[in-house]
Amino acid sequence: MGFEASPRRVLAAALSGIALTASGALLVLAWQRGMFATLLGLTLCVAWLVLGGCWAASRNLSVRRRSEERDPATDGPPLAALLDQIPLPLLRVTGGGAHALNRASRTLFATDDRLSPTPPALNDPRETRLRHEGRSWRIERVAGSDQSLVLLVDIEAERRAAEVHADNEMIDILGHELLNGLSPIVSLADSAQVAAERGDARLPGILATLTRRIEGLERFTRAYRMLARLPDPVPTPVAMDELVGDLSRLFDQRFEGRVQLSTIVPQGMTGRCDRDQMTQAIWALLHNAAEAALTGAVTPLVTLTVEREEDRLILSVADTGSGVPAPERARIFRPFHTTKPEGSGVGLTLARRIARAHGGDIALLPIAVTTFRMAMPDGAGR
């Protein structure tokens, strides 16, 4: 690698050369004329110029070498200081054990470096959960050839944050729905009282409306209790073709031929789930799809497909309705949100809660045909 000389260095080198040449000539002249004092002074000047040039050259070479050998990775803050800023425990796992890489991991395992003993879950690449000191952690791994980097995520902290968010959302929804339900009831009750005092002929109509509003609020309360009291699922092996057959008969009885149901399920296929809850979830999807299909411009048709993708159970419900408007897509799973006059807004919410309780989820696919897809883990095999 070459180096570019600055104008100042070029000028200094030229002046030094001129000074050395002049000093040499004067030294010869002083020697010839016997001017020994001048000779001594000139000798010292020459020595000073030579030594100064050597020192400057040595210094420049040292600076250049340091510049070449500098590692850009070490120009910033030390790596250990950066790792200590990560709030989650970070570890390096090798065949010989696990080592804490930051302050969070050293604090969690009460060590300065190596974990002793190493929790078995850290050495098992298939393990995704770690229980330590009464807390649950999710294991995130980045595997290398002979070692892996492990990040521990506090599951309980995530769960608490999710529960707080869900509670706040539920309180907001309850407050909104109860106010919307109670306000007209109070107004109708006042109107009924005035009509009764005046002998108004409109009193029966006011009372009938009041009754309907109270019944609507009662339906809302029942729907809320259904969501709030959903028990934990008890998964068992379930014959999916048998489950789909039961749902088909319920569907035919409910819609009496107004909507056609097509089912696609492998014969003899078994899934592992809570049968009662899964029946409830699929029925909610089928009912929602049938009502949507009745509003479409073509022959009402609902299609239920059950399949397995690797170790996941997939259930899809599609309909020939007019589709879900873009503004509604973000709200359809919100509790008590409905666009139907007699709807409770619970069906899709309940179906998603059941899917998530099974470790899965439900999504509205971004395709032309309205399709809800439920995917969840399944270890029942084919």
Protein backbone atom coordinates (compact mmCIF):
# COMPACT_ATOMS: atom_id res chain seq x y z
CA MET A 1 0.00 0.00 0.00
CA GLY A 2 1.45 3.40 -0.98
CA PHE A 3 1.38 6.61 0.96
CA GLU A 4 0.73 10.11 -0.36
CA ALA A 5 3.11 12.85 0.87
CA SER A 6 1.52 16.12 1.96
CA PRO A 7 2.88 19.44 0.56
CA ARG A 8 4.20 20.35 4.01
CA ARG A 9 6.25 17.15 4.23
CA VAL A 10 7.67 17.69 0.72
CA LEU A 11 8.73 21.24 1.62
CA ALA A 12 10.30 20.08 4.89
CA ALA A 13 12.27 17.37 3.11
CA ALA A 14 13.52 19.86 0.49
CA LEU A 15 14.62 22.39 3.11
CA SER A 16 16.38 19.66 5.10
CA GLY A 17 18.28 18.59 1.99
CA ILE A 18 19.31 22.18 1.21
CA ALA A 19 20.40 22.75 4.83
CA LEU A 20 22.49 19.56 4.84
CA THR A 21 24.16 20.51 1.54
CA ALA A 22 24.95 24.02 2.76
CA SER A 23 26.26 22.71 6.07
CA GLY A 24 28.54 20.25 4.25
CA ALA A 25 30.01 23.02 2.10
CA LEU A 26 30.60 25.25 5.12
CA LEU A 27 32.23 22.36 7.00
CA VAL A 28 34.76 21.90 4.18
CA LEU A 29 35.44 25.65 4.05
CA ALA A 30 35.90 25.89 7.86
CA TRP A 31 38.29 22.91 7.83
CA GLN A 32 40.41 24.41 5.08
CA ARG A 33 40.68 27.80 6.84
CA GLY A 34 41.24 26.41 10.36
CA MET A 35 38.04 27.86 11.78
CA PHE A 36 37.66 25.16 14.43
CA ALA A 37 34.93 26.87 16.49
CA THR A 38 32.80 27.30 13.39
CA LEU A 39 33.60 23.71 12.43
CA LEU A 40 32.28 22.46 15.77
CA GLY A 41 29.05 24.45 15.45
CA LEU A 42 28.42 23.28 11.92
CA THR A 43 29.08 19.68 12.96
CA LEU A 44 26.43 19.98 15.69
CA CYS A 45 23.95 21.49 13.19
CA VAL A 46 24.49 18.63 10.74
CA ALA A 47 24.06 16.07 13.52
CA TRP A 48 20.85 17.80 14.63
CA LEU A 49 19.45 17.81 11.07
CA VAL A 50 20.28 14.13 10.52
CA LEU A 51 18.88 12.96 13.86
CA GLY A 52 15.76 15.10 13.45
CA GLY A 53 15.11 13.65 10.00
CA CYS A 54 15.56 10.11 11.28
CA TRP A 55 13.18 10.74 14.18
CA ALA A 56 10.51 12.24 11.89
CA ALA A 57 10.79 9.34 9.44
CA SER A 58 10.54 6.80 12.26
CA ARG A 59 7.50 8.55 13.73
CA ASN A 60 5.67 8.70 10.39
CA LEU A 61 6.34 5.01 9.76
CA SER A 62 5.00 4.07 13.20
CA VAL A 63 1.81 6.10 12.68
CA ARG A 64 1.26 4.50 9.28
CA ARG A 65 1.70 0.99 10.68
CA ARG A 66 -0.78 1.65 13.47
CA SER A 67 -3.26 3.00 10.92
CA GLU A 68 -2.88 -0.12 8.77
CA GLU A 69 -3.14 -2.56 11.67
CA ARG A 70 -6.15 -0.91 13.33
CA ASP A 71 -9.19 -3.21 13.52
CA PRO A 72 -12.41 -1.34 12.69
CA ALA A 73 -14.31 -3.70 14.94
CA THR A 74 -12.42 -2.36 17.97
CA ASP A 75 -12.95 1.32 17.21
CA GLY A 76 -16.32 1.41 19.01
CA PRO A 77 -17.25 0.46 22.57
CA PRO A 78 -16.04 -2.94 23.83
CA LEU A 79 -18.26 -5.88 22.85
CA ALA A 80 -18.81 -6.89 26.49
CA ALA A 81 -20.20 -3.44 27.30
CA LEU A 82 -22.61 -3.68 24.38
CA LEU A 83 -23.80 -7.16 25.41
CA ASP A 84 -24.42 -5.93 28.94
CA GLN A 85 -26.96 -3.47 27.54
CA ILE A 86 -29.15 -6.34 26.30
CA PRO A 87 -31.90 -6.83 28.93
CA LEU A 88 -32.45 -10.52 28.10
CA PRO A 89 -30.08 -13.32 29.22
CA LEU A 90 -27.63 -14.25 26.44
CA LEU A 91 -25.52 -17.43 26.60
CA ARG A 92 -22.98 -19.35 24.53
CA VAL A 93 -23.62 -23.09 24.59
CA THR A 94 -20.92 -25.58 23.58
CA GLY A 95 -20.38 -29.27 24.09
CA GLY A 96 -18.61 -28.46 27.33
CA GLY A 97 -21.41 -26.41 28.86
CA ALA A 98 -22.94 -22.94 28.80
CA HIS A 99 -21.30 -19.57 29.40
CA ALA A 100 -22.99 -16.32 30.41
CA LEU A 101 -22.31 -13.54 27.91
CA ASN A 102 -23.99 -10.53 29.51
CA ARG A 103 -25.06 -9.04 32.82
CA ALA A 104 -28.63 -10.38 32.58
CA SER A 105 -27.43 -13.98 32.21
CA ARG A 106 -24.81 -13.63 34.96
CA THR A 107 -27.48 -12.28 37.31
CA LEU A 108 -30.02 -14.98 36.42
CA PHE A 109 -27.61 -17.89 36.95
CA ALA A 110 -25.51 -16.24 39.70
CA THR A 111 -22.20 -16.80 37.90
CA ASP A 112 -19.35 -14.80 36.41
CA ASP A 113 -18.89 -17.07 33.40
CA ARG A 114 -19.70 -20.77 33.22
CA LEU A 115 -23.03 -22.18 34.40
CA SER A 116 -22.62 -24.95 36.94
CA PRO A 117 -24.50 -27.14 36.53
CA THR A 118 -25.76 -26.43 33.01
CA PRO A 119 -29.57 -26.83 32.76
CA PRO A 120 -30.28 -29.86 30.51
CA ALA A 121 -32.73 -27.82 28.41
CA LEU A 122 -29.87 -25.62 27.16
CA ASN A 123 -27.92 -28.61 25.82
CA ASP A 124 -30.93 -30.11 24.02
CA PRO A 125 -31.41 -28.36 20.64
CA ARG A 126 -35.01 -29.62 20.48
CA GLU A 127 -35.98 -28.01 23.79
CA THR A 128 -37.81 -24.67 23.53
CA ARG A 129 -38.65 -24.06 27.19
CA LEU A 130 -36.55 -23.58 30.32
CA ARG A 131 -37.79 -23.53 33.90
CA HIS A 132 -35.34 -21.81 36.26
CA GLU A 133 -35.76 -20.23 39.69
CA GLY A 134 -39.54 -20.55 39.48
CA ARG A 135 -39.78 -18.70 36.15
CA SER A 136 -40.49 -19.93 32.62
CA TRP A 137 -38.26 -18.90 29.73
CA ARG A 138 -38.56 -19.43 25.99
CA ILE A 139 -35.30 -20.58 24.36
CA GLU A 140 -34.34 -18.86 21.10
CA ARG A 141 -31.27 -20.45 19.43
CA VAL A 142 -28.86 -19.51 16.67
CA ALA A 143 -26.92 -22.71 15.96
CA GLY A 144 -23.34 -22.80 14.67
CA SER A 145 -21.06 -25.66 13.68
CA ASP A 146 -19.76 -26.42 17.19
CA GLN A 147 -21.65 -23.99 19.41
CA SER A 148 -24.88 -22.03 19.59
CA LEU A 149 -26.03 -18.64 20.81
CA VAL A 150 -29.02 -18.78 23.16
CA LEU A 151 -31.37 -15.94 24.08
CA LEU A 152 -33.84 -16.47 26.94
CA VAL A 153 -37.20 -14.70 26.72
CA ASP A 154 -39.29 -14.32 29.88
CA ILE A 155 -42.57 -16.04 28.99
CA GLU A 156 -44.30 -14.89 32.15
CA ALA A 157 -43.46 -11.26 31.44
CA GLU A 158 -44.88 -11.66 27.93
CA ARG A 159 -47.97 -13.37 29.33
CA ARG A 160 -48.51 -10.67 31.95
CA ALA A 161 -48.19 -7.94 29.33
CA ALA A 162 -50.65 -9.77 27.07
CA GLU A 163 -53.10 -10.26 29.94
CA VAL A 164 -52.94 -6.60 30.90
CA HIS A 165 -53.53 -5.61 27.28
CA ALA A 166 -56.45 -8.06 26.98
CA ASP A 167 -57.97 -6.89 30.27
CA ASN A 168 -57.73 -3.24 29.24
CA GLU A 169 -59.30 -4.01 25.87
CA MET A 170 -62.10 -6.00 27.48
CA ILE A 171 -62.82 -3.24 29.99
CA ASP A 172 -62.98 -0.69 27.17
CA ILE A 173 -65.34 -2.90 25.19
CA LEU A 174 -67.54 -3.66 28.19
CA GLY A 175 -67.77 0.01 29.11
CA HIS A 176 -68.66 0.96 25.54
CA GLU A 177 -71.25 -1.79 25.04
CA LEU A 178 -72.89 -1.36 28.44
CA LEU A 179 -73.22 2.40 27.95
CA ASN A 180 -74.65 1.85 24.48
CA GLY A 181 -77.13 -0.65 25.90
CA LEU A 182 -78.14 1.20 29.05
CA SER A 183 -78.53 4.71 27.63
CA PRO A 184 -81.57 3.93 25.43
CA ILE A 185 -83.08 1.80 28.21
CA VAL A 186 -82.95 4.75 30.61
CA SER A 187 -84.40 7.04 27.95
CA LEU A 188 -87.21 4.58 27.11
CA ALA A 189 -88.00 4.10 30.81
CA ASP A 190 -88.39 7.88 31.22
CA SER A 191 -90.62 8.01 28.13
CA ALA A 192 -92.73 5.13 29.43
CA GLN A 193 -93.20 6.86 32.78
CA VAL A 194 -94.36 10.09 31.10
CA ALA A 195 -96.65 8.16 28.73
CA ALA A 196 -98.19 6.25 31.64
CA GLU A 197 -98.88 9.45 33.57
CA ARG A 198 -100.57 11.03 30.53
CA GLY A 199 -102.39 7.91 29.39
CA ASP A 200 -100.51 8.09 26.09
CA ALA A 201 -101.52 5.47 23.50
CA ARG A 202 -97.86 5.02 22.56
CA LEU A 203 -97.10 3.32 25.89
CA PRO A 204 -97.41 -0.30 24.61
CA GLY A 205 -94.99 0.42 21.77
CA ILE A 206 -92.51 2.07 24.14
CA LEU A 207 -92.69 -0.90 26.52
CA ALA A 208 -92.20 -3.36 23.65
CA THR A 209 -89.08 -1.49 22.50
CA LEU A 210 -87.84 -1.36 26.08
CA THR A 211 -88.30 -5.12 26.37
CA ARG A 212 -86.31 -5.75 23.18
CA ARG A 213 -83.46 -3.54 24.38
CA ILE A 214 -83.33 -5.37 27.70
CA GLU A 215 -83.29 -8.72 25.88
CA GLY A 216 -80.43 -7.46 23.70
CA LEU A 217 -78.45 -6.48 26.78
CA GLU A 218 -79.13 -9.91 28.26
CA ARG A 219 -77.78 -11.57 25.09
CA PHE A 220 -74.66 -9.44 25.38
CA THR A 221 -74.20 -10.53 29.01
CA ARG A 222 -74.56 -14.20 28.07
CA ALA A 223 -72.04 -13.78 25.26
CA TYR A 224 -69.56 -12.14 27.63
CA ARG A 225 -69.93 -14.99 30.12
CA MET A 226 -69.28 -17.50 27.32
CA LEU A 227 -65.99 -15.78 26.48
CA ALA A 228 -64.94 -15.23 30.09
CA ARG A 229 -65.58 -18.83 31.20
CA LEU A 230 -63.90 -20.75 28.39
CA PRO A 231 -62.08 -23.65 30.15
CA ASP A 232 -58.64 -24.94 29.22
CA PRO A 233 -58.81 -27.48 26.37
CA VAL A 234 -58.39 -31.20 27.04
CA PRO A 235 -56.88 -32.59 23.81
CA THR A 236 -57.71 -36.17 22.83
CA PRO A 237 -57.45 -38.05 19.50
CA VAL A 238 -60.46 -37.08 17.38
CA ALA A 239 -61.66 -38.69 14.14
CA MET A 240 -61.88 -35.61 11.94
CA ASP A 241 -64.21 -37.17 9.34
CA GLU A 242 -66.64 -38.05 12.12
CA LEU A 243 -66.44 -34.53 13.57
CA VAL A 244 -67.05 -32.99 10.13
CA GLY A 245 -69.99 -35.35 9.57
CA ASP A 246 -71.66 -34.16 12.78
CA LEU A 247 -71.14 -30.53 11.77
CA SER A 248 -72.58 -31.21 8.30
CA ARG A 249 -75.80 -32.55 9.80
CA LEU A 250 -76.07 -29.55 12.13
CA PHE A 251 -75.46 -27.22 9.19
CA ASP A 252 -78.16 -28.84 7.02
CA GLN A 253 -80.66 -28.67 9.85
CA ARG A 254 -79.88 -25.02 10.60
CA PHE A 255 -79.93 -23.63 7.06
CA GLU A 256 -82.43 -26.08 5.53
CA GLY A 257 -80.91 -26.18 2.07
CA ARG A 258 -80.57 -22.40 1.65
CA VAL A 259 -76.77 -22.78 1.75
CA GLN A 260 -74.83 -25.72 0.35
CA LEU A 261 -71.96 -27.15 2.42
CA SER A 262 -69.04 -28.91 0.72
CA THR A 263 -66.56 -30.80 2.93
CA ILE A 264 -63.07 -32.05 2.08
CA VAL A 265 -61.46 -34.28 4.73
CA PRO A 266 -59.17 -37.33 4.32
CA GLN A 267 -60.94 -40.53 5.34
CA GLY A 268 -59.65 -41.90 8.63
CA MET A 269 -57.71 -38.73 9.46
CA THR A 270 -57.17 -38.17 13.19
CA GLY A 271 -56.42 -34.88 14.92
CA ARG A 272 -55.54 -34.13 18.51
CA CYS A 273 -57.79 -31.47 20.04
CA ASP A 274 -60.60 -30.80 22.52
CA ARG A 275 -63.56 -32.17 20.55
CA ASP A 276 -66.24 -30.04 22.21
CA GLN A 277 -64.31 -26.80 21.86
CA MET A 278 -63.23 -27.58 18.30
CA THR A 279 -66.84 -28.30 17.35
CA GLN A 280 -67.79 -24.92 18.80
CA ALA A 281 -64.99 -23.11 16.93
CA ILE A 282 -65.68 -24.72 13.54
CA TRP A 283 -69.42 -24.19 13.95
CA ALA A 284 -68.83 -20.49 14.59
CA LEU A 285 -66.81 -20.28 11.35
CA LEU A 286 -69.44 -22.23 9.38
CA HIS A 287 -72.31 -20.14 10.73
CA ASN A 288 -70.48 -16.91 9.92
CA ALA A 289 -69.65 -18.16 6.41
CA ALA A 290 -73.23 -19.27 5.72
CA GLU A 291 -74.68 -15.90 6.70
CA ALA A 292 -72.09 -14.19 4.49
CA ALA A 293 -72.86 -16.52 1.57
CA LEU A 294 -76.56 -15.64 1.77
CA THR A 295 -75.69 -12.01 1.00
CA GLY A 296 -73.64 -12.88 -2.09
CA ALA A 297 -74.68 -12.61 -5.72
CA VAL A 298 -74.06 -16.28 -6.58
CA THR A 299 -75.42 -19.58 -5.30
CA PRO A 300 -74.64 -19.71 -1.54
CA LEU A 301 -71.83 -22.20 -0.96
CA VAL A 302 -69.58 -22.88 2.03
CA THR A 303 -66.53 -25.14 1.79
CA LEU A 304 -64.88 -26.78 4.82
CA THR A 305 -61.42 -28.29 4.21
CA VAL A 306 -59.42 -30.29 6.76
CA GLU A 307 -55.78 -31.18 6.03
CA ARG A 308 -52.40 -31.67 7.65
CA GLU A 309 -49.27 -29.70 6.84
CA GLU A 310 -46.26 -31.39 8.47
CA ASP A 311 -47.13 -31.32 12.18
CA ARG A 312 -50.00 -28.81 11.96
CA LEU A 313 -53.73 -29.38 11.64
CA ILE A 314 -55.28 -26.97 9.11
CA LEU A 315 -59.01 -26.20 8.85
CA SER A 316 -60.21 -23.74 6.20
CA VAL A 317 -63.72 -22.33 5.76
CA ALA A 318 -64.48 -20.47 2.51
CA ASP A 319 -67.72 -18.87 1.31
CA THR A 320 -69.18 -17.27 -1.82
CA GLY A 321 -70.29 -14.11 -0.04
CA SER A 322 -69.49 -10.55 -1.03
CA GLY A 323 -66.28 -10.53 1.03
CA VAL A 324 -65.08 -8.59 4.06
CA PRO A 325 -64.65 -4.84 3.45
CA ALA A 326 -61.10 -3.60 4.00
CA PRO A 327 -62.01 -1.40 7.03
CA GLU A 328 -63.65 -4.41 8.74
CA ARG A 329 -60.70 -6.79 8.34
CA ALA A 330 -58.86 -5.29 11.31
CA ARG A 331 -61.95 -5.47 13.55
CA ILE A 332 -63.68 -8.76 12.78
CA PHE A 333 -62.00 -10.63 15.64
CA ARG A 334 -62.70 -7.95 18.25
CA PRO A 335 -65.08 -9.14 20.99
CA PHE A 336 -68.71 -8.03 20.44
CA HIS A 337 -67.95 -6.35 17.12
CA THR A 338 -70.67 -7.20 14.60
CA THR A 339 -72.27 -5.77 11.46
CA LYS A 340 -75.43 -7.91 11.79
CA PRO A 341 -78.59 -6.53 13.46
CA GLU A 342 -79.04 -9.66 15.60
CA GLY A 343 -75.37 -10.59 15.89
CA SER A 344 -73.56 -10.90 19.22
CA GLY A 345 -70.04 -10.33 17.86
CA VAL A 346 -68.79 -13.39 19.74
CA GLY A 347 -68.52 -16.18 17.14
CA LEU A 348 -65.21 -15.29 15.49
CA THR A 349 -63.72 -14.11 18.79
CA LEU A 350 -64.64 -17.40 20.47
CA ALA A 351 -63.24 -19.41 17.55
CA ARG A 352 -59.93 -17.55 17.72
CA ARG A 353 -59.71 -17.99 21.51
CA ILE A 354 -60.26 -21.73 21.13
CA ALA A 355 -57.60 -21.93 18.40
CA ARG A 356 -55.11 -19.99 20.51
CA ALA A 357 -55.87 -22.14 23.55
CA HIS A 358 -54.77 -25.08 21.38
CA GLY A 359 -51.51 -23.27 20.52
CA GLY A 360 -52.72 -22.11 17.10
CA ASP A 361 -54.55 -19.18 15.55
CA ILE A 362 -57.17 -18.13 12.98
CA ALA A 363 -56.54 -15.70 10.15
CA LEU A 364 -58.56 -14.20 7.33
CA LEU A 365 -56.56 -14.97 4.20
CA PRO A 366 -55.82 -12.08 1.80
CA ILE A 367 -57.36 -13.80 -1.24
CA ALA A 368 -60.39 -13.14 -3.44
CA VAL A 369 -62.58 -15.88 -1.94
CA THR A 370 -63.32 -15.11 1.72
CA THR A 371 -61.43 -17.83 3.60
CA PHE A 372 -60.80 -18.24 7.32
CA ARG A 373 -57.86 -20.54 8.09
CA MET A 374 -57.32 -22.20 11.47
CA ALA A 375 -53.86 -23.68 12.04
CA MET A 376 -52.69 -25.41 15.21
CA PRO A 377 -50.07 -27.93 16.34
CA ASP A 378 -51.08 -31.57 16.05
CA GLY A 379 -49.22 -34.67 17.14
CA ALA A 380 -51.87 -37.26 16.39
CA GLY A 381 -50.28 -38.43 13.13
CA ARG A 382 -52.04 -39.59 10.01
